[in-house]
Amino acid sequence: NSLVGINEGAFSECPSLKTFNMHDTVGYFGDEIFYGTNQLKSIKLPNNELKIGSYAFLECNSLEEIIFNENTYLSEINGSIFEDTNLSTFTVDSNNPYYSTNADGTYLLSKDGKKIIFAAFAKLSGEITIDEEYTEIGNSAFSGSKIEKLIITNPNLIIGAYAFANSTNLKNVEIG
């Protein structure tokens, strides 16, 4: 019960790994911790503060759901962590004081619902509109997404670093 971190690549390219359960003492996921772990479908994050390294879930092609416990808090996020996944849903405990989701779980939001922290790529393709209800897009929030057209209706929206990096299908952006 004294595990505090899992270093980079620790469970990378484990093609048969389907489930991963951890104690709430885990506070750090290193870079590419699950890189290429193709059978992992869902992960429940620890019920405490967590730092996540770059490309933590890169090419986890079966990953569909990330679950946030009552006290899960991402204190540090480095780079694109959900690129090349099949992530379709964020699930957040209703008592979590830090995060919420939109109605279908496509966006991980700040508790007040104004900042898009991450987007679940599997449900986002073609054209998407980010409405005026959102005031900020987090760093790397849509990085690696398959969207083709982006419409932002809030001309005062703050767009984080690398928010749409590696979005190779993105052809058109309209702001305002």
C-alpha atoms as a PDB file:
ATOM      1  CA  ASN A   1       0.000   0.000   0.000  1.00  0.00           C
ATOM      2  CA  SER A   2       2.978   2.353  -0.196  1.00  0.00           C
ATOM      3  CA  LEU A   3       3.193   2.583  -4.002  1.00  0.00           C
ATOM      4  CA  VAL A   4       3.321   6.256  -4.969  1.00  0.00           C
ATOM      5  CA  GLY A   5       4.222   6.222  -8.631  1.00  0.00           C
ATOM      6  CA  ILE A   6       4.449   4.073 -11.714  1.00  0.00           C
ATOM      7  CA  ASN A   7       7.287   5.144 -13.995  1.00  0.00           C
ATOM      8  CA  GLU A   8       7.361   5.575 -17.748  1.00  0.00           C
ATOM      9  CA  GLY A   9       6.516   2.642 -19.931  1.00  0.00           C
ATOM     10  CA  ALA A  10       5.906   0.309 -16.986  1.00  0.00           C
ATOM     11  CA  PHE A  11       2.943  -1.418 -18.653  1.00  0.00           C
ATOM     12  CA  SER A  12       3.585  -0.419 -22.263  1.00  0.00           C
ATOM     13  CA  GLU A  13       2.932  -2.887 -25.055  1.00  0.00           C
ATOM     14  CA  CYS A  14       1.160  -5.430 -22.850  1.00  0.00           C
ATOM     15  CA  PRO A  15      -1.239  -6.669 -25.548  1.00  0.00           C
ATOM     16  CA  SER A  16      -3.268  -8.933 -23.232  1.00  0.00           C
ATOM     17  CA  LEU A  17      -3.758  -6.504 -20.311  1.00  0.00           C
ATOM     18  CA  LYS A  18      -7.517  -5.921 -19.976  1.00  0.00           C
ATOM     19  CA  THR A  19      -8.012  -4.570 -16.461  1.00  0.00           C
ATOM     20  CA  PHE A  20      -5.868  -2.449 -14.214  1.00  0.00           C
ATOM     21  CA  ASN A  21      -6.855  -1.813 -10.603  1.00  0.00           C
ATOM     22  CA  MET A  22      -4.785   0.233  -8.213  1.00  0.00           C
ATOM     23  CA  HIS A  23      -4.791   1.438  -4.652  1.00  0.00           C
ATOM     24  CA  ASP A  24      -5.394   5.108  -3.951  1.00  0.00           C
ATOM     25  CA  THR A  25      -1.749   5.630  -2.988  1.00  0.00           C
ATOM     26  CA  VAL A  26      -0.739   5.870  -6.664  1.00  0.00           C
ATOM     27  CA  GLY A  27      -0.015   9.533  -7.347  1.00  0.00           C
ATOM     28  CA  TYR A  28       2.011   9.455 -10.571  1.00  0.00           C
ATOM     29  CA  PHE A  29       1.704   7.822 -14.006  1.00  0.00           C
ATOM     30  CA  GLY A  30       4.902   8.155 -16.030  1.00  0.00           C
ATOM     31  CA  ASP A  31       5.181   8.913 -19.734  1.00  0.00           C
ATOM     32  CA  GLU A  32       3.753   6.193 -21.995  1.00  0.00           C
ATOM     33  CA  ILE A  33       2.806   4.061 -18.966  1.00  0.00           C
ATOM     34  CA  PHE A  34       0.204   2.113 -20.986  1.00  0.00           C
ATOM     35  CA  TYR A  35       1.511   2.817 -24.516  1.00  0.00           C
ATOM     36  CA  GLY A  36       0.191   0.228 -26.976  1.00  0.00           C
ATOM     37  CA  THR A  37      -1.775  -1.721 -24.360  1.00  0.00           C
ATOM     38  CA  ASN A  38      -4.512  -2.576 -26.831  1.00  0.00           C
ATOM     39  CA  GLN A  39      -6.966  -4.579 -24.694  1.00  0.00           C
ATOM     40  CA  LEU A  40      -7.379  -2.044 -21.878  1.00  0.00           C
ATOM     41  CA  LYS A  41     -10.997  -0.792 -22.137  1.00  0.00           C
ATOM     42  CA  SER A  42     -11.520   1.242 -18.984  1.00  0.00           C
ATOM     43  CA  ILE A  43      -9.439   2.651 -16.172  1.00  0.00           C
ATOM     44  CA  LYS A  44     -10.565   3.971 -12.816  1.00  0.00           C
ATOM     45  CA  LEU A  45      -8.181   6.665 -11.649  1.00  0.00           C
ATOM     46  CA  PRO A  46      -7.062   6.700  -8.016  1.00  0.00           C
ATOM     47  CA  ASN A  47      -9.163   8.592  -5.496  1.00  0.00           C
ATOM     48  CA  ASN A  48      -6.483  11.216  -4.848  1.00  0.00           C
ATOM     49  CA  GLU A  49      -4.166  13.705  -6.545  1.00  0.00           C
ATOM     50  CA  LEU A  50      -2.560  12.295  -9.696  1.00  0.00           C
ATOM     51  CA  LYS A  51       0.135  13.477 -12.108  1.00  0.00           C
ATOM     52  CA  ILE A  52      -0.028  11.974 -15.610  1.00  0.00           C
ATOM     53  CA  GLY A  53       2.945  11.922 -17.991  1.00  0.00           C
ATOM     54  CA  SER A  54       2.968  12.485 -21.743  1.00  0.00           C
ATOM     55  CA  TYR A  55       1.296   9.970 -24.027  1.00  0.00           C
ATOM     56  CA  ALA A  56       0.247   7.885 -21.004  1.00  0.00           C
ATOM     57  CA  PHE A  57      -2.446   6.057 -23.010  1.00  0.00           C
ATOM     58  CA  LEU A  58      -1.007   6.479 -26.525  1.00  0.00           C
ATOM     59  CA  GLU A  59      -2.281   3.787 -28.898  1.00  0.00           C
ATOM     60  CA  CYS A  60      -4.499   2.129 -26.297  1.00  0.00           C
ATOM     61  CA  ASN A  61      -6.893   1.434 -29.148  1.00  0.00           C
ATOM     62  CA  SER A  62      -9.593  -0.225 -27.014  1.00  0.00           C
ATOM     63  CA  LEU A  63      -9.647   2.394 -24.248  1.00  0.00           C
ATOM     64  CA  GLU A  64     -13.234   3.688 -24.059  1.00  0.00           C
ATOM     65  CA  GLU A  65     -13.763   5.077 -20.565  1.00  0.00           C
ATOM     66  CA  ILE A  66     -11.865   7.017 -17.912  1.00  0.00           C
ATOM     67  CA  ILE A  67     -13.469   7.021 -14.460  1.00  0.00           C
ATOM     68  CA  PHE A  68     -12.873   9.760 -11.894  1.00  0.00           C
ATOM     69  CA  ASN A  69     -13.543   8.910  -8.248  1.00  0.00           C
ATOM     70  CA  GLU A  70     -14.908  11.299  -5.648  1.00  0.00           C
ATOM     71  CA  ASN A  71     -11.481  12.844  -4.919  1.00  0.00           C
ATOM     72  CA  THR A  72      -9.593  12.246  -8.173  1.00  0.00           C
ATOM     73  CA  TYR A  73      -7.678  15.403  -9.039  1.00  0.00           C
ATOM     74  CA  LEU A  74      -5.231  15.792 -11.934  1.00  0.00           C
ATOM     75  CA  SER A  75      -2.535  18.038 -10.507  1.00  0.00           C
ATOM     76  CA  GLU A  76      -0.288  17.808 -13.551  1.00  0.00           C
ATOM     77  CA  ILE A  77      -0.950  16.711 -17.122  1.00  0.00           C
ATOM     78  CA  ASN A  78       1.971  16.520 -19.515  1.00  0.00           C
ATOM     79  CA  GLY A  79       1.194  16.548 -23.201  1.00  0.00           C
ATOM     80  CA  SER A  80      -1.338  14.532 -25.111  1.00  0.00           C
ATOM     81  CA  ILE A  81      -2.398  11.586 -22.986  1.00  0.00           C
ATOM     82  CA  PHE A  82      -5.369  10.100 -24.893  1.00  0.00           C
ATOM     83  CA  GLU A  83      -4.070  10.232 -28.469  1.00  0.00           C
ATOM     84  CA  ASP A  84      -4.922   7.214 -30.652  1.00  0.00           C
ATOM     85  CA  THR A  85      -7.455   5.752 -28.232  1.00  0.00           C
ATOM     86  CA  ASN A  86     -11.124   4.915 -28.681  1.00  0.00           C
ATOM     87  CA  LEU A  87     -12.060   7.077 -25.693  1.00  0.00           C
ATOM     88  CA  SER A  88     -15.772   7.864 -25.787  1.00  0.00           C
ATOM     89  CA  THR A  89     -16.734   8.614 -22.185  1.00  0.00           C
ATOM     90  CA  PHE A  90     -15.536  10.355 -19.084  1.00  0.00           C
ATOM     91  CA  THR A  91     -17.375   9.292 -15.945  1.00  0.00           C
ATOM     92  CA  VAL A  92     -17.061  11.528 -12.884  1.00  0.00           C
ATOM     93  CA  ASP A  93     -18.377  10.787  -9.403  1.00  0.00           C
ATOM     94  CA  SER A  94     -21.110  13.345  -8.673  1.00  0.00           C
ATOM     95  CA  ASN A  95     -19.352  14.293  -5.418  1.00  0.00           C
ATOM     96  CA  ASN A  96     -16.056  15.129  -7.128  1.00  0.00           C
ATOM     97  CA  PRO A  97     -15.343  18.798  -6.244  1.00  0.00           C
ATOM     98  CA  TYR A  98     -13.032  19.371  -9.232  1.00  0.00           C
ATOM     99  CA  TYR A  99     -14.647  17.895 -12.347  1.00  0.00           C
ATOM    100  CA  SER A 100     -17.897  17.309 -14.186  1.00  0.00           C
ATOM    101  CA  THR A 101     -18.863  16.187 -17.691  1.00  0.00           C
ATOM    102  CA  ASN A 102     -21.262  17.347 -20.353  1.00  0.00           C
ATOM    103  CA  ALA A 103     -24.498  15.344 -20.763  1.00  0.00           C
ATOM    104  CA  ASP A 104     -23.021  12.494 -22.822  1.00  0.00           C
ATOM    105  CA  GLY A 105     -19.610  12.355 -21.115  1.00  0.00           C
ATOM    106  CA  THR A 106     -17.761  13.529 -24.219  1.00  0.00           C
ATOM    107  CA  TYR A 107     -16.048  16.385 -22.377  1.00  0.00           C
ATOM    108  CA  LEU A 108     -14.249  16.298 -19.056  1.00  0.00           C
ATOM    109  CA  LEU A 109     -15.060  19.729 -17.639  1.00  0.00           C
ATOM    110  CA  SER A 110     -14.103  21.878 -14.700  1.00  0.00           C
ATOM    111  CA  LYS A 111     -16.684  21.599 -11.910  1.00  0.00           C
ATOM    112  CA  ASP A 112     -18.367  24.836 -13.049  1.00  0.00           C
ATOM    113  CA  GLY A 113     -18.607  23.422 -16.598  1.00  0.00           C
ATOM    114  CA  LYS A 114     -16.801  26.336 -18.250  1.00  0.00           C
ATOM    115  CA  LYS A 115     -13.431  24.757 -19.091  1.00  0.00           C
ATOM    116  CA  ILE A 116     -13.022  21.761 -21.406  1.00  0.00           C
ATOM    117  CA  ILE A 117     -10.156  19.832 -19.854  1.00  0.00           C
ATOM    118  CA  PHE A 118     -10.252  16.843 -22.230  1.00  0.00           C
ATOM    119  CA  ALA A 119     -12.394  15.595 -25.082  1.00  0.00           C
ATOM    120  CA  ALA A 120     -13.301  11.958 -25.737  1.00  0.00           C
ATOM    121  CA  PHE A 121     -12.267  11.512 -29.372  1.00  0.00           C
ATOM    122  CA  ALA A 122     -14.360   8.515 -30.389  1.00  0.00           C
ATOM    123  CA  LYS A 123     -17.542  10.612 -30.469  1.00  0.00           C
ATOM    124  CA  LEU A 124     -15.921  13.600 -32.155  1.00  0.00           C
ATOM    125  CA  SER A 125     -15.390  13.667 -35.891  1.00  0.00           C
ATOM    126  CA  GLY A 126     -16.424  15.809 -38.800  1.00  0.00           C
ATOM    127  CA  GLU A 127     -17.635  19.205 -37.603  1.00  0.00           C
ATOM    128  CA  ILE A 128     -17.826  20.277 -33.958  1.00  0.00           C
ATOM    129  CA  THR A 129     -18.997  23.532 -32.432  1.00  0.00           C
ATOM    130  CA  ILE A 130     -17.666  24.813 -29.136  1.00  0.00           C
ATOM    131  CA  ASP A 131     -20.417  27.031 -27.765  1.00  0.00           C
ATOM    132  CA  GLU A 132     -20.190  30.260 -25.802  1.00  0.00           C
ATOM    133  CA  GLU A 133     -20.895  28.399 -22.561  1.00  0.00           C
ATOM    134  CA  TYR A 134     -17.233  27.356 -22.593  1.00  0.00           C
ATOM    135  CA  THR A 135     -14.611  29.967 -21.687  1.00  0.00           C
ATOM    136  CA  GLU A 136     -11.455  27.867 -21.913  1.00  0.00           C
ATOM    137  CA  ILE A 137      -9.999  24.812 -23.612  1.00  0.00           C
ATOM    138  CA  GLY A 138      -7.280  23.068 -21.620  1.00  0.00           C
ATOM    139  CA  ASN A 139      -3.792  22.168 -22.772  1.00  0.00           C
ATOM    140  CA  SER A 140      -3.845  19.255 -25.228  1.00  0.00           C
ATOM    141  CA  ALA A 141      -7.618  18.871 -24.737  1.00  0.00           C
ATOM    142  CA  PHE A 142      -8.306  17.842 -28.348  1.00  0.00           C
ATOM    143  CA  SER A 143      -4.765  16.830 -29.286  1.00  0.00           C
ATOM    144  CA  GLY A 144      -4.867  13.979 -31.777  1.00  0.00           C
ATOM    145  CA  SER A 145      -8.596  14.287 -32.450  1.00  0.00           C
ATOM    146  CA  LYS A 146     -10.147  13.380 -35.806  1.00  0.00           C
ATOM    147  CA  ILE A 147     -12.288  16.497 -36.199  1.00  0.00           C
ATOM    148  CA  GLU A 148     -12.295  18.143 -39.623  1.00  0.00           C
ATOM    149  CA  LYS A 149     -14.004  21.457 -38.942  1.00  0.00           C
ATOM    150  CA  LEU A 150     -13.959  23.466 -35.745  1.00  0.00           C
ATOM    151  CA  ILE A 151     -16.401  26.288 -35.022  1.00  0.00           C
ATOM    152  CA  ILE A 152     -15.790  28.382 -31.901  1.00  0.00           C
ATOM    153  CA  THR A 153     -18.643  30.782 -31.134  1.00  0.00           C
ATOM    154  CA  ASN A 154     -16.978  32.558 -28.192  1.00  0.00           C
ATOM    155  CA  PRO A 155     -14.425  35.041 -29.593  1.00  0.00           C
ATOM    156  CA  ASN A 156     -12.949  35.390 -26.085  1.00  0.00           C
ATOM    157  CA  LEU A 157     -12.305  31.687 -25.608  1.00  0.00           C
ATOM    158  CA  ILE A 158      -8.897  30.893 -24.114  1.00  0.00           C
ATOM    159  CA  ILE A 159      -7.254  28.079 -26.074  1.00  0.00           C
ATOM    160  CA  GLY A 160      -4.583  26.150 -24.165  1.00  0.00           C
ATOM    161  CA  ALA A 161      -1.176  25.041 -25.394  1.00  0.00           C
ATOM    162  CA  TYR A 162      -1.280  22.265 -27.987  1.00  0.00           C
ATOM    163  CA  ALA A 163      -5.079  22.127 -27.633  1.00  0.00           C
ATOM    164  CA  PHE A 164      -5.521  20.815 -31.188  1.00  0.00           C
ATOM    165  CA  ALA A 165      -1.989  19.561 -31.919  1.00  0.00           C
ATOM    166  CA  ASN A 166      -1.699  16.425 -34.055  1.00  0.00           C
ATOM    167  CA  SER A 167      -5.301  16.813 -35.275  1.00  0.00           C
ATOM    168  CA  THR A 168      -4.313  15.685 -38.750  1.00  0.00           C
ATOM    169  CA  ASN A 169      -7.852  15.808 -40.208  1.00  0.00           C
ATOM    170  CA  LEU A 170      -8.508  19.428 -39.144  1.00  0.00           C
ATOM    171  CA  LYS A 171      -9.074  21.464 -42.311  1.00  0.00           C
ATOM    172  CA  ASN A 172     -11.217  24.461 -41.255  1.00  0.00           C
ATOM    173  CA  VAL A 173     -11.385  26.639 -38.145  1.00  0.00           C
ATOM    174  CA  GLU A 174     -13.885  29.451 -37.566  1.00  0.00           C
ATOM    175  CA  ILE A 175     -13.608  31.661 -34.474  1.00  0.00           C
ATOM    176  CA  GLY A 176     -16.161  34.265 -33.550  1.00  0.00           C
END
